[in-house]
Amino acid sequence: MEVRARAVALAAMSSLAVACGESRGTLVTTAPPAFQPALGTSWQVQLTGTIDTSFDVALYDVDLFDAPASTIAALRGAGRHVICYVSVGTDESWRADASSFPAAAVGSALDGYPGERWLDTRDATVRTLMAARLGVAAQKGCEGVDLANVSADGVDTGLGLTPADAVAYAGWLAGEAHGLGLGAGLGGATTIAAAVAGDFEWALAESCVAGGDCGAYAAFRSASKVVLAVEFGAAEDAARICPTARADGLDALIKDRTFDAFRAPCP
């Protein structure tokens, strides 16, 4: 699909050049590089509630569907970068496209999230719907996508998915995002992070300090790619969490589990 889209775009640009009187030479186009957060980026992630745009940070991570396009535009107009969170491995019952996933492609419920079920990411319809979600991200003005639940990381999905399936899906997602001009961020997926680091511009780790598995993102750090990290707790937990996060080379925030506006950044 990406090759065909590029061919169509090149043909259209060639026609435009002819229409403008350009009859000699070779038309050469270069796709802009995908958005990649810088190391040491100040950031905020808020997925619930009215987005507090007052933080003096370089990057906001907001929910693809719940964040209004006007808010994304306002943030970017104020010089902020914006990436958009989207679960690409689960059927969330409250999303507008939830009923479109084939019943056979819907697996077990996520532990602690009864309204969310694993998806068979090998399924053609699932991939079509996810490609459509990435299209929404491009249309709304997101510069990149925070791709969550790419891998079940060893959890029984009820669908027989393997780590090799997750690696293949991650590569496909990154390619789709890049074809739309979006940066691709790996959300979680500790078991495949090393294998897919070359396909992604950044990673977002959740509770890796608490879980002791931040080392899974070493390939991102070795490639000078930022690892954004969320640890859950209160502001006073910074003294316990932040030294480990800094030692692991993470750009970490302490958040509460509702992902509201509260943030306590590690210095």
Protein backbone atom coordinates (compact mmCIF):
# COMPACT_ATOMS: atom_id res chain seq x y z
CA MET A 1 0.00 0.00 0.00
CA GLU A 2 2.85 2.41 0.85
CA VAL A 3 4.60 1.78 -2.47
CA ARG A 4 1.42 2.40 -4.40
CA ALA A 5 0.72 5.60 -2.43
CA ARG A 6 4.20 6.90 -3.17
CA ALA A 7 3.78 6.10 -6.87
CA VAL A 8 0.50 8.01 -6.98
CA ALA A 9 2.07 10.97 -5.19
CA LEU A 10 5.03 11.05 -7.58
CA ALA A 11 2.74 10.89 -10.60
CA ALA A 12 0.67 13.77 -9.25
CA MET A 13 3.75 15.89 -8.61
CA SER A 14 5.09 15.13 -12.09
CA SER A 15 1.80 16.29 -13.60
CA LEU A 16 1.99 19.48 -11.57
CA ALA A 17 5.51 20.14 -12.83
CA VAL A 18 4.37 19.74 -16.44
CA ALA A 19 1.40 22.02 -15.84
CA CYS A 20 3.78 24.67 -14.50
CA GLY A 21 5.92 24.48 -17.63
CA GLU A 22 8.70 22.29 -16.25
CA SER A 23 9.64 20.00 -19.13
CA ARG A 24 13.24 19.05 -18.44
CA GLY A 25 15.11 17.28 -15.68
CA THR A 26 14.15 14.61 -13.17
CA LEU A 27 11.68 15.27 -10.40
CA VAL A 28 13.23 14.17 -7.13
CA THR A 29 11.27 14.13 -3.90
CA THR A 30 12.45 13.35 -0.39
CA ALA A 31 10.01 12.42 2.34
CA PRO A 32 10.49 14.50 5.49
CA PRO A 33 12.03 12.57 8.40
CA ALA A 34 9.57 11.20 10.92
CA PHE A 35 9.24 13.15 14.15
CA GLN A 36 11.73 12.00 16.78
CA PRO A 37 11.79 13.48 20.30
CA ALA A 38 15.18 14.68 21.46
CA LEU A 39 16.98 13.14 24.39
CA GLY A 40 16.14 15.03 27.55
CA THR A 41 12.78 16.17 26.20
CA SER A 42 10.45 17.73 28.76
CA TRP A 43 7.04 16.17 28.36
CA GLN A 44 3.56 15.51 29.65
CA VAL A 45 1.11 12.68 29.04
CA GLN A 46 -2.58 13.25 29.74
CA LEU A 47 -5.17 10.79 28.48
CA THR A 48 -8.22 11.72 30.57
CA GLY A 49 -10.07 14.92 31.36
CA THR A 50 -9.76 18.34 29.77
CA ILE A 51 -6.15 18.70 28.71
CA ASP A 52 -4.16 21.15 30.81
CA THR A 53 -2.11 22.99 28.19
CA SER A 54 -0.33 25.24 30.69
CA PHE A 55 2.75 23.08 31.32
CA ASP A 56 5.98 24.51 29.95
CA VAL A 57 7.09 21.31 28.25
CA ALA A 58 8.30 20.48 24.75
CA LEU A 59 6.07 17.46 24.15
CA TYR A 60 2.50 16.42 24.91
CA ASP A 61 1.14 12.87 24.61
CA VAL A 62 -2.67 12.93 24.30
CA ASP A 63 -5.40 10.45 23.47
CA LEU A 64 -5.98 10.17 19.72
CA PHE A 65 -9.76 10.07 19.95
CA ASP A 66 -10.52 12.12 23.06
CA ALA A 67 -8.21 15.07 22.45
CA PRO A 68 -9.97 17.68 20.29
CA ALA A 69 -8.23 18.66 17.08
CA SER A 70 -8.48 22.26 18.26
CA THR A 71 -6.43 21.43 21.37
CA ILE A 72 -3.77 19.70 19.28
CA ALA A 73 -3.65 22.72 16.98
CA ALA A 74 -3.37 25.09 19.94
CA LEU A 75 -0.51 23.11 21.45
CA ARG A 76 1.37 23.02 18.18
CA GLY A 77 0.68 26.70 17.62
CA ALA A 78 2.31 27.35 20.99
CA GLY A 79 5.42 25.51 19.84
CA ARG A 80 4.70 22.17 21.52
CA HIS A 81 5.18 18.83 19.81
CA VAL A 82 2.17 16.51 20.01
CA ILE A 83 2.05 12.74 19.82
CA CYS A 84 -1.17 10.77 20.09
CA TYR A 85 -1.81 7.65 22.15
CA VAL A 86 -3.63 4.81 20.44
CA SER A 87 -4.04 1.21 21.54
CA VAL A 88 -3.20 -0.87 18.48
CA GLY A 89 -3.49 -4.28 20.11
CA THR A 90 -6.79 -4.15 21.97
CA ASP A 91 -10.48 -3.64 21.36
CA GLU A 92 -11.59 -0.88 23.73
CA SER A 93 -15.35 -1.17 24.10
CA TRP A 94 -15.90 2.60 24.33
CA ARG A 95 -14.27 3.47 21.00
CA ALA A 96 -16.43 4.34 18.01
CA ASP A 97 -14.98 1.52 15.90
CA ALA A 98 -15.19 -1.16 18.62
CA SER A 99 -18.05 -3.05 16.99
CA SER A 100 -16.16 -3.27 13.70
CA PHE A 101 -13.61 -5.81 14.93
CA PRO A 102 -14.51 -9.38 13.86
CA ALA A 103 -15.68 -11.52 16.79
CA ALA A 104 -13.16 -14.20 15.87
CA ALA A 105 -10.34 -11.66 16.21
CA VAL A 106 -11.28 -10.60 19.76
CA GLY A 107 -9.58 -12.49 22.57
CA SER A 108 -9.28 -12.38 26.34
CA ALA A 109 -9.93 -9.36 28.54
CA LEU A 110 -6.94 -7.44 29.84
CA ASP A 111 -6.29 -8.03 33.52
CA GLY A 112 -7.81 -5.12 35.41
CA TYR A 113 -9.43 -3.65 32.29
CA PRO A 114 -12.69 -5.55 31.68
CA GLY A 115 -13.77 -3.22 28.86
CA GLU A 116 -10.62 -3.97 26.89
CA ARG A 117 -9.82 -7.20 25.06
CA TRP A 118 -6.80 -8.41 23.10
CA LEU A 119 -6.99 -8.43 19.32
CA ASP A 120 -5.61 -10.85 16.76
CA THR A 121 -3.17 -8.48 15.11
CA ARG A 122 -2.63 -10.93 12.25
CA ASP A 123 -6.22 -10.39 11.11
CA ALA A 124 -6.64 -8.35 7.92
CA THR A 125 -9.68 -6.44 9.19
CA VAL A 126 -7.91 -5.54 12.43
CA ARG A 127 -5.01 -4.13 10.43
CA THR A 128 -7.34 -2.19 8.14
CA LEU A 129 -9.01 -0.60 11.16
CA MET A 130 -5.67 0.24 12.74
CA ALA A 131 -4.45 1.81 9.51
CA ALA A 132 -7.60 3.95 9.61
CA ARG A 133 -6.76 5.02 13.16
CA LEU A 134 -3.32 6.12 12.04
CA GLY A 135 -5.01 8.10 9.29
CA VAL A 136 -7.05 9.89 11.94
CA ALA A 137 -3.82 10.78 13.74
CA ALA A 138 -2.41 12.36 10.60
CA GLN A 139 -5.63 14.25 9.93
CA LYS A 140 -5.83 15.62 13.49
CA GLY A 141 -2.33 17.04 13.36
CA CYS A 142 -0.47 14.54 15.55
CA GLU A 143 3.24 14.48 14.76
CA GLY A 144 3.65 10.92 15.95
CA VAL A 145 1.76 8.02 17.47
CA ASP A 146 2.27 6.36 20.84
CA LEU A 147 1.48 2.78 19.78
CA ALA A 148 0.34 0.91 22.87
CA ASN A 149 -0.27 -2.82 23.36
CA VAL A 150 1.71 -3.84 20.29
CA SER A 151 2.72 -6.98 22.19
CA ALA A 152 0.96 -8.87 24.97
CA ASP A 153 4.39 -9.47 26.56
CA GLY A 154 3.71 -13.05 27.53
CA VAL A 155 0.10 -12.60 28.63
CA ASP A 156 -2.32 -15.24 27.34
CA THR A 157 -4.45 -13.39 24.81
CA GLY A 158 -6.60 -16.41 23.98
CA LEU A 159 -5.54 -15.97 20.36
CA GLY A 160 -2.28 -17.92 20.14
CA LEU A 161 -0.16 -14.87 19.32
CA THR A 162 3.60 -15.37 19.42
CA PRO A 163 6.52 -12.95 19.90
CA ALA A 164 7.26 -13.34 16.17
CA ASP A 165 3.70 -12.17 15.44
CA ALA A 166 4.27 -9.11 17.62
CA VAL A 167 7.57 -8.28 15.88
CA ALA A 168 5.93 -8.55 12.45
CA TYR A 169 3.00 -6.39 13.57
CA ALA A 170 5.31 -3.77 15.07
CA GLY A 171 7.21 -3.48 11.80
CA TRP A 172 3.99 -3.15 9.85
CA LEU A 173 2.68 -0.44 12.19
CA ALA A 174 5.88 1.58 11.99
CA GLY A 175 5.79 1.38 8.20
CA GLU A 176 2.18 2.54 8.09
CA ALA A 177 2.94 5.45 10.43
CA HIS A 178 5.98 6.52 8.44
CA GLY A 179 3.99 6.35 5.22
CA LEU A 180 1.68 8.98 6.72
CA GLY A 181 4.57 11.16 7.85
CA LEU A 182 4.13 10.19 11.51
CA GLY A 183 6.84 9.30 13.98
CA ALA A 184 6.33 5.88 15.58
CA GLY A 185 6.71 5.27 19.30
CA LEU A 186 6.75 1.80 20.83
CA GLY A 187 4.43 1.70 23.84
CA GLY A 188 5.51 -1.01 26.26
CA ALA A 189 6.32 -4.26 24.44
CA THR A 190 9.37 -5.02 26.56
CA THR A 191 9.73 -8.54 25.14
CA ILE A 192 10.24 -7.29 21.57
CA ALA A 193 11.77 -3.85 22.16
CA ALA A 194 15.30 -4.94 21.27
CA ALA A 195 14.12 -6.59 18.05
CA VAL A 196 12.16 -3.60 16.74
CA ALA A 197 14.15 -0.60 18.02
CA GLY A 198 15.38 0.15 14.52
CA ASP A 199 11.82 0.65 13.27
CA PHE A 200 10.76 3.21 15.90
CA GLU A 201 11.72 6.78 16.76
CA TRP A 202 11.21 6.44 20.52
CA ALA A 203 9.79 4.13 23.18
CA LEU A 204 7.42 4.73 26.07
CA ALA A 205 7.96 2.45 29.05
CA GLU A 206 5.36 1.99 31.77
CA SER A 207 6.39 0.90 35.29
CA CYS A 208 9.74 -0.45 34.13
CA VAL A 209 11.48 0.93 37.23
CA ALA A 210 8.91 -0.77 39.45
CA GLY A 211 9.12 -3.93 37.36
CA GLY A 212 12.89 -3.95 37.06
CA ASP A 213 12.83 -4.37 33.29
CA CYS A 214 14.04 -1.00 31.98
CA GLY A 215 17.00 -2.80 30.48
CA ALA A 216 14.65 -4.04 27.75
CA TYR A 217 15.02 -0.62 26.10
CA ALA A 218 18.83 -0.65 25.93
CA ALA A 219 18.74 -0.83 22.11
CA PHE A 220 16.81 2.46 22.00
CA ARG A 221 19.29 4.17 24.29
CA SER A 222 22.25 2.77 22.34
CA ALA A 223 20.75 4.33 19.21
CA SER A 224 20.32 7.69 21.00
CA LYS A 225 16.55 7.33 20.91
CA VAL A 226 14.61 8.70 23.84
CA VAL A 227 12.83 6.36 26.24
CA LEU A 228 9.93 8.19 27.83
CA ALA A 229 8.93 6.49 31.08
CA VAL A 230 5.86 6.57 33.29
CA GLU A 231 6.01 5.37 36.88
CA PHE A 232 2.95 5.45 39.09
CA GLY A 233 2.93 7.19 42.44
CA ALA A 234 2.86 10.59 44.11
CA ALA A 235 5.23 13.54 43.96
CA GLU A 236 6.98 12.43 47.14
CA ASP A 237 7.95 9.16 45.43
CA ALA A 238 10.44 11.03 43.23
CA ALA A 239 13.28 10.47 45.68
CA ARG A 240 12.75 6.72 45.37
CA ILE A 241 12.00 6.47 41.63
CA CYS A 242 14.09 9.14 39.93
CA PRO A 243 17.64 7.99 40.75
CA THR A 244 16.95 4.62 39.13
CA ALA A 245 15.23 6.25 36.16
CA ARG A 246 18.20 8.58 35.60
CA ALA A 247 20.66 5.70 35.90
CA ASP A 248 18.69 3.81 33.25
CA GLY A 249 18.77 6.80 30.90
CA LEU A 250 15.01 7.43 31.00
CA ASP A 251 13.04 10.66 30.63
CA ALA A 252 10.65 9.80 33.44
CA LEU A 253 7.42 11.17 34.85
CA ILE A 254 5.51 10.10 37.92
CA LYS A 255 1.80 9.90 37.15
CA ASP A 256 -1.33 8.56 38.76
CA ARG A 257 -3.11 5.65 37.09
CA THR A 258 -5.94 7.77 35.74
CA PHE A 259 -3.48 9.59 33.47
CA ASP A 260 -5.02 12.93 34.35
CA ALA A 261 -3.10 16.21 34.41
CA PHE A 262 -0.98 15.42 37.48
CA ARG A 263 2.71 15.06 36.72
CA ALA A 264 5.87 14.93 38.80
CA PRO A 265 8.89 14.99 36.46
CA CYS A 266 12.21 13.49 37.39
CA PRO A 267 14.81 16.28 37.33
